[in-house]
Amino acid sequence: MQHYQGSCHCGAIRFTFQGEPLVKGLRCNCSICLRRGAAMTPYIIAPEHIQIEAEDGALATYSFGSCVAKHHFCNRCGIYPFHQTMRWPGHYRVNLGCVQGLDATKLPSDVFDGAAL
């Protein structure tokens, strides 16, 4: 397991997580992921493997449809750093563009058919 850290653009939301080496990303074609265009961790992160710190009032959440998935974003800069998944409630995927020292544009990505759910 490797240790990663990241943040939103303004730094009001910061996180660290443990996971396998990040050698590829995952993109989703559901209505929100298609619009946001972010590559995510290809694996799900258990809640005990992610630590989240947010300044008061910075962490906002958007849910739609079944409201099981929780899409978190910074209420100040608007960046989506991570979300809680629909298939594994309470577990996370991280926006690879928010991971410090990682250039998500250089990683190949698989596509998950979230539109079919």
PDB file of N, CA and C in Angstrom:
ATOM      1  N   MET A   1       0.844  -1.181   0.000  1.00  0.00           N
ATOM      2  CA  MET A   1       0.000   0.000   0.000  1.00  0.00           C
ATOM      3  C   MET A   1       0.887   1.241   0.000  1.00  0.00           C
ATOM      4  N   GLN A   2       0.480   2.227  -0.761  1.00  0.00           N
ATOM      5  CA  GLN A   2       1.187   3.494  -0.777  1.00  0.00           C
ATOM      6  C   GLN A   2       0.345   4.546  -0.060  1.00  0.00           C
ATOM      7  N   HIS A   3       1.012   5.590   0.395  1.00  0.00           N
ATOM      8  CA  HIS A   3       0.364   6.685   1.100  1.00  0.00           C
ATOM      9  C   HIS A   3       0.278   7.873   0.137  1.00  0.00           C
ATOM     10  N   TYR A   4      -0.933   8.415  -0.041  1.00  0.00           N
ATOM     11  CA  TYR A   4      -1.157   9.551  -0.928  1.00  0.00           C
ATOM     12  C   TYR A   4      -1.787  10.689  -0.143  1.00  0.00           C
ATOM     13  N   GLN A   5      -1.576  11.900  -0.616  1.00  0.00           N
ATOM     14  CA  GLN A   5      -2.266  13.053  -0.040  1.00  0.00           C
ATOM     15  C   GLN A   5      -2.738  13.954  -1.165  1.00  0.00           C
ATOM     16  N   GLY A   6      -3.756  14.736  -0.856  1.00  0.00           N
ATOM     17  CA  GLY A   6      -4.301  15.630  -1.866  1.00  0.00           C
ATOM     18  C   GLY A   6      -5.179  16.687  -1.242  1.00  0.00           C
ATOM     19  N   SER A   7      -5.737  17.526  -2.108  1.00  0.00           N
ATOM     20  CA  SER A   7      -6.599  18.611  -1.644  1.00  0.00           C
ATOM     21  C   SER A   7      -7.431  19.136  -2.803  1.00  0.00           C
ATOM     22  N   CYS A   8      -8.399  19.969  -2.439  1.00  0.00           N
ATOM     23  CA  CYS A   8      -9.114  20.733  -3.453  1.00  0.00           C
ATOM     24  C   CYS A   8      -8.164  21.835  -3.940  1.00  0.00           C
ATOM     25  N   HIS A   9      -8.613  22.687  -4.830  1.00  0.00           N
ATOM     26  CA  HIS A   9      -7.748  23.731  -5.387  1.00  0.00           C
ATOM     27  C   HIS A   9      -7.307  24.745  -4.350  1.00  0.00           C
ATOM     28  N   CYS A  10      -8.213  25.182  -3.479  1.00  0.00           N
ATOM     29  CA  CYS A  10      -7.883  26.228  -2.503  1.00  0.00           C
ATOM     30  C   CYS A  10      -7.274  25.685  -1.213  1.00  0.00           C
ATOM     31  N   GLY A  11      -7.309  24.371  -1.024  1.00  0.00           N
ATOM     32  CA  GLY A  11      -6.724  23.753   0.168  1.00  0.00           C
ATOM     33  C   GLY A  11      -7.645  23.690   1.372  1.00  0.00           C
ATOM     34  N   ALA A  12      -8.894  24.105   1.232  1.00  0.00           N
ATOM     35  CA  ALA A  12      -9.827  24.054   2.355  1.00  0.00           C
ATOM     36  C   ALA A  12     -10.236  22.623   2.698  1.00  0.00           C
ATOM     37  N   ILE A  13     -10.115  21.712   1.716  1.00  0.00           N
ATOM     38  CA  ILE A  13     -10.364  20.289   1.938  1.00  0.00           C
ATOM     39  C   ILE A  13      -9.062  19.558   1.625  1.00  0.00           C
ATOM     40  N   ARG A  14      -8.602  18.772   2.593  1.00  0.00           N
ATOM     41  CA  ARG A  14      -7.375  18.005   2.440  1.00  0.00           C
ATOM     42  C   ARG A  14      -7.678  16.549   2.802  1.00  0.00           C
ATOM     43  N   PHE A  15      -6.965  15.650   2.169  1.00  0.00           N
ATOM     44  CA  PHE A  15      -7.190  14.238   2.470  1.00  0.00           C
ATOM     45  C   PHE A  15      -5.905  13.450   2.280  1.00  0.00           C
ATOM     46  N   THR A  16      -5.839  12.328   2.954  1.00  0.00           N
ATOM     47  CA  THR A  16      -4.775  11.347   2.757  1.00  0.00           C
ATOM     48  C   THR A  16      -5.455   9.991   2.628  1.00  0.00           C
ATOM     49  N   PHE A  17      -4.847   9.112   1.865  1.00  0.00           N
ATOM     50  CA  PHE A  17      -5.389   7.761   1.759  1.00  0.00           C
ATOM     51  C   PHE A  17      -4.276   6.782   1.450  1.00  0.00           C
ATOM     52  N   GLN A  18      -4.575   5.519   1.713  1.00  0.00           N
ATOM     53  CA  GLN A  18      -3.662   4.428   1.417  1.00  0.00           C
ATOM     54  C   GLN A  18      -4.278   3.584   0.320  1.00  0.00           C
ATOM     55  N   GLY A  19      -3.443   3.166  -0.621  1.00  0.00           N
ATOM     56  CA  GLY A  19      -3.945   2.336  -1.701  1.00  0.00           C
ATOM     57  C   GLY A  19      -2.825   1.763  -2.528  1.00  0.00           C
ATOM     58  N   GLU A  20      -3.200   0.968  -3.491  1.00  0.00           N
ATOM     59  CA  GLU A  20      -2.251   0.388  -4.431  1.00  0.00           C
ATOM     60  C   GLU A  20      -1.611   1.505  -5.252  1.00  0.00           C
ATOM     61  N   PRO A  21      -0.460   1.257  -5.858  1.00  0.00           N
ATOM     62  CA  PRO A  21       0.154   2.275  -6.724  1.00  0.00           C
ATOM     63  C   PRO A  21      -0.815   2.715  -7.824  1.00  0.00           C
ATOM     64  N   LEU A  22      -0.853   4.002  -8.079  1.00  0.00           N
ATOM     65  CA  LEU A  22      -1.763   4.564  -9.074  1.00  0.00           C
ATOM     66  C   LEU A  22      -1.085   4.573 -10.440  1.00  0.00           C
ATOM     67  N   VAL A  23      -1.422   3.588 -11.247  1.00  0.00           N
ATOM     68  CA  VAL A  23      -0.840   3.464 -12.581  1.00  0.00           C
ATOM     69  C   VAL A  23      -1.883   3.650 -13.683  1.00  0.00           C
ATOM     70  N   LYS A  24      -3.162   3.748 -13.297  1.00  0.00           N
ATOM     71  CA  LYS A  24      -4.230   4.050 -14.242  1.00  0.00           C
ATOM     72  C   LYS A  24      -5.387   4.662 -13.476  1.00  0.00           C
ATOM     73  N   GLY A  25      -6.300   5.241 -14.223  1.00  0.00           N
ATOM     74  CA  GLY A  25      -7.469   5.862 -13.623  1.00  0.00           C
ATOM     75  C   GLY A  25      -8.741   5.162 -14.056  1.00  0.00           C
ATOM     76  N   LEU A  26      -9.847   5.691 -13.584  1.00  0.00           N
ATOM     77  CA  LEU A  26     -11.166   5.187 -13.961  1.00  0.00           C
ATOM     78  C   LEU A  26     -12.043   6.384 -14.276  1.00  0.00           C
ATOM     79  N   ARG A  27     -12.723   6.323 -15.377  1.00  0.00           N
ATOM     80  CA  ARG A  27     -13.707   7.344 -15.734  1.00  0.00           C
ATOM     81  C   ARG A  27     -15.065   6.672 -15.776  1.00  0.00           C
ATOM     82  N   CYS A  28     -16.096   7.447 -15.553  1.00  0.00           N
ATOM     83  CA  CYS A  28     -17.455   6.927 -15.519  1.00  0.00           C
ATOM     84  C   CYS A  28     -18.304   7.745 -16.490  1.00  0.00           C
ATOM     85  N   ASN A  29     -19.292   7.096 -17.089  1.00  0.00           N
ATOM     86  CA  ASN A  29     -20.151   7.789 -18.036  1.00  0.00           C
ATOM     87  C   ASN A  29     -21.537   8.113 -17.485  1.00  0.00           C
ATOM     88  N   CYS A  30     -21.704   8.075 -16.153  1.00  0.00           N
ATOM     89  CA  CYS A  30     -22.992   8.496 -15.586  1.00  0.00           C
ATOM     90  C   CYS A  30     -23.146  10.003 -15.816  1.00  0.00           C
ATOM     91  N   SER A  31     -24.323  10.527 -15.590  1.00  0.00           N
ATOM     92  CA  SER A  31     -24.599  11.925 -15.942  1.00  0.00           C
ATOM     93  C   SER A  31     -23.710  12.927 -15.210  1.00  0.00           C
ATOM     94  N   ILE A  32     -23.371  12.689 -13.964  1.00  0.00           N
ATOM     95  CA  ILE A  32     -22.526  13.657 -13.255  1.00  0.00           C
ATOM     96  C   ILE A  32     -21.049  13.478 -13.616  1.00  0.00           C
ATOM     97  N   CYS A  33     -20.572  12.246 -13.674  1.00  0.00           N
ATOM     98  CA  CYS A  33     -19.158  12.015 -13.997  1.00  0.00           C
ATOM     99  C   CYS A  33     -18.828  12.448 -15.418  1.00  0.00           C
ATOM    100  N   LEU A  34     -19.747  12.228 -16.339  1.00  0.00           N
ATOM    101  CA  LEU A  34     -19.537  12.657 -17.721  1.00  0.00           C
ATOM    102  C   LEU A  34     -19.331  14.166 -17.788  1.00  0.00           C
ATOM    103  N   ARG A  35     -20.115  14.910 -17.018  1.00  0.00           N
ATOM    104  CA  ARG A  35     -20.005  16.368 -17.017  1.00  0.00           C
ATOM    105  C   ARG A  35     -18.757  16.863 -16.280  1.00  0.00           C
ATOM    106  N   ARG A  36     -18.385  16.175 -15.227  1.00  0.00           N
ATOM    107  CA  ARG A  36     -17.229  16.635 -14.454  1.00  0.00           C
ATOM    108  C   ARG A  36     -15.913  16.204 -15.089  1.00  0.00           C
ATOM    109  N   GLY A  37     -15.892  15.094 -15.812  1.00  0.00           N
ATOM    110  CA  GLY A  37     -14.735  14.694 -16.596  1.00  0.00           C
ATOM    111  C   GLY A  37     -13.499  14.282 -15.825  1.00  0.00           C
ATOM    112  N   ALA A  38     -13.616  13.968 -14.577  1.00  0.00           N
ATOM    113  CA  ALA A  38     -12.452  13.645 -13.752  1.00  0.00           C
ATOM    114  C   ALA A  38     -12.113  12.158 -13.817  1.00  0.00           C
ATOM    115  N   ALA A  39     -10.824  11.861 -13.777  1.00  0.00           N
ATOM    116  CA  ALA A  39     -10.367  10.480 -13.604  1.00  0.00           C
ATOM    117  C   ALA A  39     -10.314  10.204 -12.106  1.00  0.00           C
ATOM    118  N   MET A  40     -10.785   9.035 -11.729  1.00  0.00           N
ATOM    119  CA  MET A  40     -10.851   8.654 -10.313  1.00  0.00           C
ATOM    120  C   MET A  40      -9.908   7.493 -10.042  1.00  0.00           C
ATOM    121  N   THR A  41      -9.717   7.207  -8.754  1.00  0.00           N
ATOM    122  CA  THR A  41      -8.948   6.018  -8.396  1.00  0.00           C
ATOM    123  C   THR A  41      -9.628   4.804  -9.010  1.00  0.00           C
ATOM    124  N   PRO A  42      -8.855   3.863  -9.535  1.00  0.00           N
ATOM    125  CA  PRO A  42      -9.454   2.687 -10.155  1.00  0.00           C
ATOM    126  C   PRO A  42      -9.989   1.695  -9.122  1.00  0.00           C
ATOM    127  N   TYR A  43      -9.690   1.929  -7.879  1.00  0.00           N
ATOM    128  CA  TYR A  43     -10.152   1.055  -6.801  1.00  0.00           C
ATOM    129  C   TYR A  43     -10.920   1.881  -5.770  1.00  0.00           C
ATOM    130  N   ILE A  44     -11.735   1.170  -5.032  1.00  0.00           N
ATOM    131  CA  ILE A  44     -12.534   1.781  -3.971  1.00  0.00           C
ATOM    132  C   ILE A  44     -11.686   1.842  -2.707  1.00  0.00           C
ATOM    133  N   ILE A  45     -11.809   2.947  -1.993  1.00  0.00           N
ATOM    134  CA  ILE A  45     -11.039   3.155  -0.768  1.00  0.00           C
ATOM    135  C   ILE A  45     -11.963   2.984   0.435  1.00  0.00           C
ATOM    136  N   ALA A  46     -11.612   2.056   1.305  1.00  0.00           N
ATOM    137  CA  ALA A  46     -12.401   1.821   2.514  1.00  0.00           C
ATOM    138  C   ALA A  46     -12.299   3.032   3.435  1.00  0.00           C
ATOM    139  N   PRO A  47     -13.345   3.329   4.205  1.00  0.00           N
ATOM    140  CA  PRO A  47     -13.325   4.510   5.069  1.00  0.00           C
ATOM    141  C   PRO A  47     -12.160   4.533   6.056  1.00  0.00           C
ATOM    142  N   GLU A  48     -11.685   3.380   6.478  1.00  0.00           N
ATOM    143  CA  GLU A  48     -10.558   3.357   7.414  1.00  0.00           C
ATOM    144  C   GLU A  48      -9.221   3.665   6.732  1.00  0.00           C
ATOM    145  N   HIS A  49      -9.213   3.747   5.393  1.00  0.00           N
ATOM    146  CA  HIS A  49      -7.987   4.049   4.658  1.00  0.00           C
ATOM    147  C   HIS A  49      -7.944   5.470   4.100  1.00  0.00           C
ATOM    148  N   ILE A  50      -8.915   6.292   4.469  1.00  0.00           N
ATOM    149  CA  ILE A  50      -8.917   7.688   4.031  1.00  0.00           C
ATOM    150  C   ILE A  50      -9.168   8.591   5.237  1.00  0.00           C
ATOM    151  N   GLN A  51      -8.418   9.668   5.316  1.00  0.00           N
ATOM    152  CA  GLN A  51      -8.616  10.671   6.367  1.00  0.00           C
ATOM    153  C   GLN A  51      -8.931  11.987   5.651  1.00  0.00           C
ATOM    154  N   ILE A  52      -9.983  12.631   6.095  1.00  0.00           N
ATOM    155  CA  ILE A  52     -10.451  13.862   5.461  1.00  0.00           C
ATOM    156  C   ILE A  52     -10.453  14.978   6.490  1.00  0.00           C
ATOM    157  N   GLU A  53      -9.878  16.114   6.109  1.00  0.00           N
ATOM    158  CA  GLU A  53      -9.905  17.319   6.937  1.00  0.00           C
ATOM    159  C   GLU A  53     -10.497  18.434   6.085  1.00  0.00           C
ATOM    160  N   ALA A  54     -11.439  19.158   6.657  1.00  0.00           N
ATOM    161  CA  ALA A  54     -12.063  20.261   5.928  1.00  0.00           C
ATOM    162  C   ALA A  54     -12.285  21.439   6.861  1.00  0.00           C
ATOM    163  N   GLU A  55     -11.991  22.619   6.355  1.00  0.00           N
ATOM    164  CA  GLU A  55     -12.285  23.826   7.118  1.00  0.00           C
ATOM    165  C   GLU A  55     -13.801  23.952   7.269  1.00  0.00           C
ATOM    166  N   ASP A  56     -14.242  24.627   8.323  1.00  0.00           N
ATOM    167  CA  ASP A  56     -15.673  24.788   8.582  1.00  0.00           C
ATOM    168  C   ASP A  56     -16.399  25.332   7.360  1.00  0.00           C
ATOM    169  N   GLY A  57     -17.448  24.644   6.961  1.00  0.00           N
ATOM    170  CA  GLY A  57     -18.289  25.087   5.864  1.00  0.00           C
ATOM    171  C   GLY A  57     -17.755  24.807   4.475  1.00  0.00           C
ATOM    172  N   ALA A  58     -16.565  24.206   4.357  1.00  0.00           N
ATOM    173  CA  ALA A  58     -15.970  23.996   3.033  1.00  0.00           C
ATOM    174  C   ALA A  58     -16.502  22.751   2.324  1.00  0.00           C
ATOM    175  N   LEU A  59     -16.762  21.686   3.059  1.00  0.00           N
ATOM    176  CA  LEU A  59     -17.167  20.428   2.444  1.00  0.00           C
ATOM    177  C   LEU A  59     -18.671  20.419   2.184  1.00  0.00           C
ATOM    178  N   ALA A  60     -19.031  20.363   0.920  1.00  0.00           N
ATOM    179  CA  ALA A  60     -20.437  20.301   0.517  1.00  0.00           C
ATOM    180  C   ALA A  60     -20.677  18.962  -0.173  1.00  0.00           C
ATOM    181  N   THR A  61     -21.934  18.549  -0.225  1.00  0.00           N
ATOM    182  CA  THR A  61     -22.279  17.250  -0.797  1.00  0.00           C
ATOM    183  C   THR A  61     -23.465  17.387  -1.743  1.00  0.00           C
ATOM    184  N   TYR A  62     -23.369  16.689  -2.863  1.00  0.00           N
ATOM    185  CA  TYR A  62     -24.462  16.642  -3.835  1.00  0.00           C
ATOM    186  C   TYR A  62     -24.849  15.191  -4.047  1.00  0.00           C
ATOM    187  N   SER A  63     -26.127  14.897  -3.980  1.00  0.00           N
ATOM    188  CA  SER A  63     -26.661  13.566  -4.271  1.00  0.00           C
ATOM    189  C   SER A  63     -27.830  13.714  -5.220  1.00  0.00           C
ATOM    190  N   PHE A  64     -28.041  12.706  -6.029  1.00  0.00           N
ATOM    191  CA  PHE A  64     -29.190  12.731  -6.945  1.00  0.00           C
ATOM    192  C   PHE A  64     -29.670  11.304  -7.142  1.00  0.00           C
ATOM    193  N   GLY A  65     -30.757  11.126  -7.851  1.00  0.00           N
ATOM    194  CA  GLY A  65     -31.290   9.788  -8.117  1.00  0.00           C
ATOM    195  C   GLY A  65     -31.622   9.076  -6.828  1.00  0.00           C
ATOM    196  N   SER A  66     -30.958   7.963  -6.578  1.00  0.00           N
ATOM    197  CA  SER A  66     -31.213   7.172  -5.370  1.00  0.00           C
ATOM    198  C   SER A  66     -30.645   7.833  -4.117  1.00  0.00           C
ATOM    199  N   CYS A  67     -29.798   8.839  -4.281  1.00  0.00           N
ATOM    200  CA  CYS A  67     -29.138   9.565  -3.185  1.00  0.00           C
ATOM    201  C   CYS A  67     -28.225   8.673  -2.343  1.00  0.00           C
ATOM    202  N   VAL A  68     -27.805   7.544  -2.892  1.00  0.00           N
ATOM    203  CA  VAL A  68     -26.861   6.681  -2.187  1.00  0.00           C
ATOM    204  C   VAL A  68     -25.448   7.215  -2.356  1.00  0.00           C
ATOM    205  N   ALA A  69     -25.049   7.535  -3.590  1.00  0.00           N
ATOM    206  CA  ALA A  69     -23.720   8.109  -3.840  1.00  0.00           C
ATOM    207  C   ALA A  69     -23.698   9.534  -3.297  1.00  0.00           C
ATOM    208  N   LYS A  70     -22.591   9.898  -2.690  1.00  0.00           N
ATOM    209  CA  LYS A  70     -22.407  11.241  -2.126  1.00  0.00           C
ATOM    210  C   LYS A  70     -21.234  11.889  -2.844  1.00  0.00           C
ATOM    211  N   HIS A  71     -21.513  12.886  -3.659  1.00  0.00           N
ATOM    212  CA  HIS A  71     -20.490  13.577  -4.432  1.00  0.00           C
ATOM    213  C   HIS A  71     -20.065  14.811  -3.642  1.00  0.00           C
ATOM    214  N   HIS A  72     -18.849  14.790  -3.120  1.00  0.00           N
ATOM    215  CA  HIS A  72     -18.359  15.863  -2.268  1.00  0.00           C
ATOM    216  C   HIS A  72     -17.578  16.876  -3.094  1.00  0.00           C
ATOM    217  N   PHE A  73     -17.735  18.138  -2.739  1.00  0.00           N
ATOM    218  CA  PHE A  73     -17.019  19.202  -3.437  1.00  0.00           C
ATOM    219  C   PHE A  73     -16.730  20.332  -2.466  1.00  0.00           C
ATOM    220  N   CYS A  74     -15.795  21.184  -2.842  1.00  0.00           N
ATOM    221  CA  CYS A  74     -15.439  22.322  -2.006  1.00  0.00           C
ATOM    222  C   CYS A  74     -16.420  23.456  -2.256  1.00  0.00           C
ATOM    223  N   ASN A  75     -17.013  23.945  -1.196  1.00  0.00           N
ATOM    224  CA  ASN A  75     -17.988  25.033  -1.278  1.00  0.00           C
ATOM    225  C   ASN A  75     -17.318  26.369  -1.583  1.00  0.00           C
ATOM    226  N   ARG A  76     -15.981  26.393  -1.582  1.00  0.00           N
ATOM    227  CA  ARG A  76     -15.244  27.631  -1.847  1.00  0.00           C
ATOM    228  C   ARG A  76     -14.684  27.671  -3.257  1.00  0.00           C
ATOM    229  N   CYS A  77     -13.938  26.638  -3.660  1.00  0.00           N
ATOM    230  CA  CYS A  77     -13.327  26.654  -5.002  1.00  0.00           C
ATOM    231  C   CYS A  77     -14.093  25.807  -6.015  1.00  0.00           C
ATOM    232  N   GLY A  78     -15.029  24.973  -5.557  1.00  0.00           N
ATOM    233  CA  GLY A  78     -15.871  24.186  -6.457  1.00  0.00           C
ATOM    234  C   GLY A  78     -15.299  22.850  -6.899  1.00  0.00           C
ATOM    235  N   ILE A  79     -14.106  22.516  -6.480  1.00  0.00           N
ATOM    236  CA  ILE A  79     -13.460  21.280  -6.938  1.00  0.00           C
ATOM    237  C   ILE A  79     -14.042  20.055  -6.242  1.00  0.00           C
ATOM    238  N   TYR A  80     -14.192  18.982  -7.016  1.00  0.00           N
ATOM    239  CA  TYR A  80     -14.634  17.676  -6.514  1.00  0.00           C
ATOM    240  C   TYR A  80     -13.390  16.859  -6.153  1.00  0.00           C
ATOM    241  N   PRO A  81     -13.090  16.653  -4.853  1.00  0.00           N
ATOM    242  CA  PRO A  81     -11.914  15.861  -4.488  1.00  0.00           C
ATOM    243  C   PRO A  81     -12.184  14.357  -4.346  1.00  0.00           C
ATOM    244  N   PHE A  82     -13.432  13.977  -4.008  1.00  0.00           N
ATOM    245  CA  PHE A  82     -13.744  12.564  -3.798  1.00  0.00           C
ATOM    246  C   PHE A  82     -15.252  12.385  -3.714  1.00  0.00           C
ATOM    247  N   HIS A  83     -15.683  11.130  -3.794  1.00  0.00           N
ATOM    248  CA  HIS A  83     -17.103  10.816  -3.607  1.00  0.00           C
ATOM    249  C   HIS A  83     -17.240   9.468  -2.910  1.00  0.00           C
ATOM    250  N   GLN A  84     -18.397   9.272  -2.328  1.00  0.00           N
ATOM    251  CA  GLN A  84     -18.754   7.981  -1.750  1.00  0.00           C
ATOM    252  C   GLN A  84     -19.570   7.241  -2.801  1.00  0.00           C
ATOM    253  N   THR A  85     -19.238   5.993  -3.036  1.00  0.00           N
ATOM    254  CA  THR A  85     -19.793   5.264  -4.169  1.00  0.00           C
ATOM    255  C   THR A  85     -21.216   4.758  -3.949  1.00  0.00           C
ATOM    256  N   MET A  86     -21.895   4.524  -5.057  1.00  0.00           N
ATOM    257  CA  MET A  86     -23.241   3.970  -5.001  1.00  0.00           C
ATOM    258  C   MET A  86     -23.181   2.459  -4.743  1.00  0.00           C
ATOM    259  N   ARG A  87     -22.222   1.789  -5.343  1.00  0.00           N
ATOM    260  CA  ARG A  87     -22.132   0.336  -5.217  1.00  0.00           C
ATOM    261  C   ARG A  87     -21.577  -0.101  -3.864  1.00  0.00           C
ATOM    262  N   TRP A  88     -20.776   0.751  -3.224  1.00  0.00           N
ATOM    263  CA  TRP A  88     -20.202   0.468  -1.917  1.00  0.00           C
ATOM    264  C   TRP A  88     -20.423   1.694  -1.032  1.00  0.00           C
ATOM    265  N   PRO A  89     -21.641   1.919  -0.529  1.00  0.00           N
ATOM    266  CA  PRO A  89     -21.920   3.111   0.284  1.00  0.00           C
ATOM    267  C   PRO A  89     -20.919   3.260   1.427  1.00  0.00           C
ATOM    268  N   GLY A  90     -20.465   4.501   1.624  1.00  0.00           N
ATOM    269  CA  GLY A  90     -19.506   4.794   2.680  1.00  0.00           C
ATOM    270  C   GLY A  90     -18.057   4.585   2.265  1.00  0.00           C
ATOM    271  N   HIS A  91     -17.831   4.006   1.088  1.00  0.00           N
ATOM    272  CA  HIS A  91     -16.489   3.810   0.544  1.00  0.00           C
ATOM    273  C   HIS A  91     -16.251   4.890  -0.512  1.00  0.00           C
ATOM    274  N   TYR A  92     -15.001   5.162  -0.799  1.00  0.00           N
ATOM    275  CA  TYR A  92     -14.641   6.334  -1.586  1.00  0.00           C
ATOM    276  C   TYR A  92     -13.883   6.005  -2.870  1.00  0.00           C
ATOM    277  N   ARG A  93     -13.971   6.939  -3.804  1.00  0.00           N
ATOM    278  CA  ARG A  93     -13.060   7.073  -4.936  1.00  0.00           C
ATOM    279  C   ARG A  93     -12.569   8.512  -4.884  1.00  0.00           C
ATOM    280  N   VAL A  94     -11.317   8.719  -5.260  1.00  0.00           N
ATOM    281  CA  VAL A  94     -10.683  10.030  -5.188  1.00  0.00           C
ATOM    282  C   VAL A  94     -10.453  10.561  -6.600  1.00  0.00           C
ATOM    283  N   ASN A  95     -10.644  11.855  -6.778  1.00  0.00           N
ATOM    284  CA  ASN A  95     -10.327  12.540  -8.029  1.00  0.00           C
ATOM    285  C   ASN A  95      -8.805  12.561  -8.166  1.00  0.00           C
ATOM    286  N   LEU A  96      -8.266  11.883  -9.171  1.00  0.00           N
ATOM    287  CA  LEU A  96      -6.814  11.791  -9.334  1.00  0.00           C
ATOM    288  C   LEU A  96      -6.170  13.145  -9.604  1.00  0.00           C
ATOM    289  N   GLY A  97      -6.933  14.092 -10.123  1.00  0.00           N
ATOM    290  CA  GLY A  97      -6.416  15.436 -10.349  1.00  0.00           C
ATOM    291  C   GLY A  97      -6.126  16.181  -9.059  1.00  0.00           C
ATOM    292  N   CYS A  98      -6.634  15.687  -7.942  1.00  0.00           N
ATOM    293  CA  CYS A  98      -6.419  16.317  -6.638  1.00  0.00           C
ATOM    294  C   CYS A  98      -5.289  15.673  -5.849  1.00  0.00           C
ATOM    295  N   VAL A  99      -4.701  14.601  -6.365  1.00  0.00           N
ATOM    296  CA  VAL A  99      -3.641  13.885  -5.655  1.00  0.00           C
ATOM    297  C   VAL A  99      -2.310  14.594  -5.903  1.00  0.00           C
ATOM    298  N   GLN A 100      -1.660  14.965  -4.826  1.00  0.00           N
ATOM    299  CA  GLN A 100      -0.400  15.700  -4.893  1.00  0.00           C
ATOM    300  C   GLN A 100       0.673  14.875  -5.606  1.00  0.00           C
ATOM    301  N   GLY A 101       1.370  15.517  -6.552  1.00  0.00           N
ATOM    302  CA  GLY A 101       2.488  14.884  -7.247  1.00  0.00           C
ATOM    303  C   GLY A 101       2.096  13.908  -8.337  1.00  0.00           C
ATOM    304  N   LEU A 102       0.819  13.807  -8.655  1.00  0.00           N
ATOM    305  CA  LEU A 102       0.345  12.881  -9.681  1.00  0.00           C
ATOM    306  C   LEU A 102      -0.227  13.682 -10.846  1.00  0.00           C
ATOM    307  N   ASP A 103       0.195  13.389 -12.050  1.00  0.00           N
ATOM    308  CA  ASP A 103      -0.373  14.038 -13.237  1.00  0.00           C
ATOM    309  C   ASP A 103      -1.384  13.083 -13.851  1.00  0.00           C
ATOM    310  N   ALA A 104      -2.649  13.269 -13.521  1.00  0.00           N
ATOM    311  CA  ALA A 104      -3.711  12.366 -13.967  1.00  0.00           C
ATOM    312  C   ALA A 104      -3.840  12.338 -15.486  1.00  0.00           C
ATOM    313  N   THR A 105      -3.399  13.386 -16.175  1.00  0.00           N
ATOM    314  CA  THR A 105      -3.501  13.415 -17.639  1.00  0.00           C
ATOM    315  C   THR A 105      -2.534  12.436 -18.297  1.00  0.00           C
ATOM    316  N   LYS A 106      -1.552  11.965 -17.558  1.00  0.00           N
ATOM    317  CA  LYS A 106      -0.556  11.030 -18.095  1.00  0.00           C
ATOM    318  C   LYS A 106      -0.948   9.563 -17.898  1.00  0.00           C
ATOM    319  N   LEU A 107      -2.004   9.308 -17.130  1.00  0.00           N
ATOM    320  CA  LEU A 107      -2.404   7.932 -16.834  1.00  0.00           C
ATOM    321  C   LEU A 107      -3.468   7.439 -17.811  1.00  0.00           C
ATOM    322  N   PRO A 108      -3.365   6.183 -18.258  1.00  0.00           N
ATOM    323  CA  PRO A 108      -4.461   5.618 -19.032  1.00  0.00           C
ATOM    324  C   PRO A 108      -5.661   5.425 -18.100  1.00  0.00           C
ATOM    325  N   SER A 109      -6.858   5.389 -18.675  1.00  0.00           N
ATOM    326  CA  SER A 109      -8.067   5.215 -17.862  1.00  0.00           C
ATOM    327  C   SER A 109      -8.983   4.164 -18.464  1.00  0.00           C
ATOM    328  N   ASP A 110      -9.576   3.366 -17.596  1.00  0.00           N
ATOM    329  CA  ASP A 110     -10.663   2.490 -17.981  1.00  0.00           C
ATOM    330  C   ASP A 110     -11.957   3.271 -17.861  1.00  0.00           C
ATOM    331  N   VAL A 111     -13.032   2.771 -18.487  1.00  0.00           N
ATOM    332  CA  VAL A 111     -14.339   3.436 -18.390  1.00  0.00           C
ATOM    333  C   VAL A 111     -15.328   2.473 -17.744  1.00  0.00           C
ATOM    334  N   PHE A 112     -16.009   2.985 -16.720  1.00  0.00           N
ATOM    335  CA  PHE A 112     -17.058   2.255 -16.014  1.00  0.00           C
ATOM    336  C   PHE A 112     -18.397   2.707 -16.570  1.00  0.00           C
ATOM    337  N   ASP A 113     -19.287   1.776 -16.887  1.00  0.00           N
ATOM    338  CA  ASP A 113     -20.590   2.131 -17.462  1.00  0.00           C
ATOM    339  C   ASP A 113     -21.610   2.439 -16.359  1.00  0.00           C
ATOM    340  N   GLY A 114     -21.428   3.604 -15.730  1.00  0.00           N
ATOM    341  CA  GLY A 114     -22.342   4.042 -14.690  1.00  0.00           C
ATOM    342  C   GLY A 114     -23.688   4.479 -15.245  1.00  0.00           C
ATOM    343  N   ALA A 115     -23.750   4.789 -16.527  1.00  0.00           N
ATOM    344  CA  ALA A 115     -25.008   5.190 -17.146  1.00  0.00           C
ATOM    345  C   ALA A 115     -25.998   4.029 -17.181  1.00  0.00           C
ATOM    346  N   ALA A 116     -25.484   2.799 -17.161  1.00  0.00           N
ATOM    347  CA  ALA A 116     -26.344   1.620 -17.221  1.00  0.00           C
ATOM    348  C   ALA A 116     -26.983   1.287 -15.871  1.00  0.00           C
ATOM    349  N   LEU A 117     -26.525   1.919 -14.803  1.00  0.00           N
ATOM    350  CA  LEU A 117     -27.076   1.600 -13.471  1.00  0.00           C
ATOM    351  C   LEU A 117     -28.413   2.234 -13.238  1.00  0.00           C
TER     352      LEU A 117
END
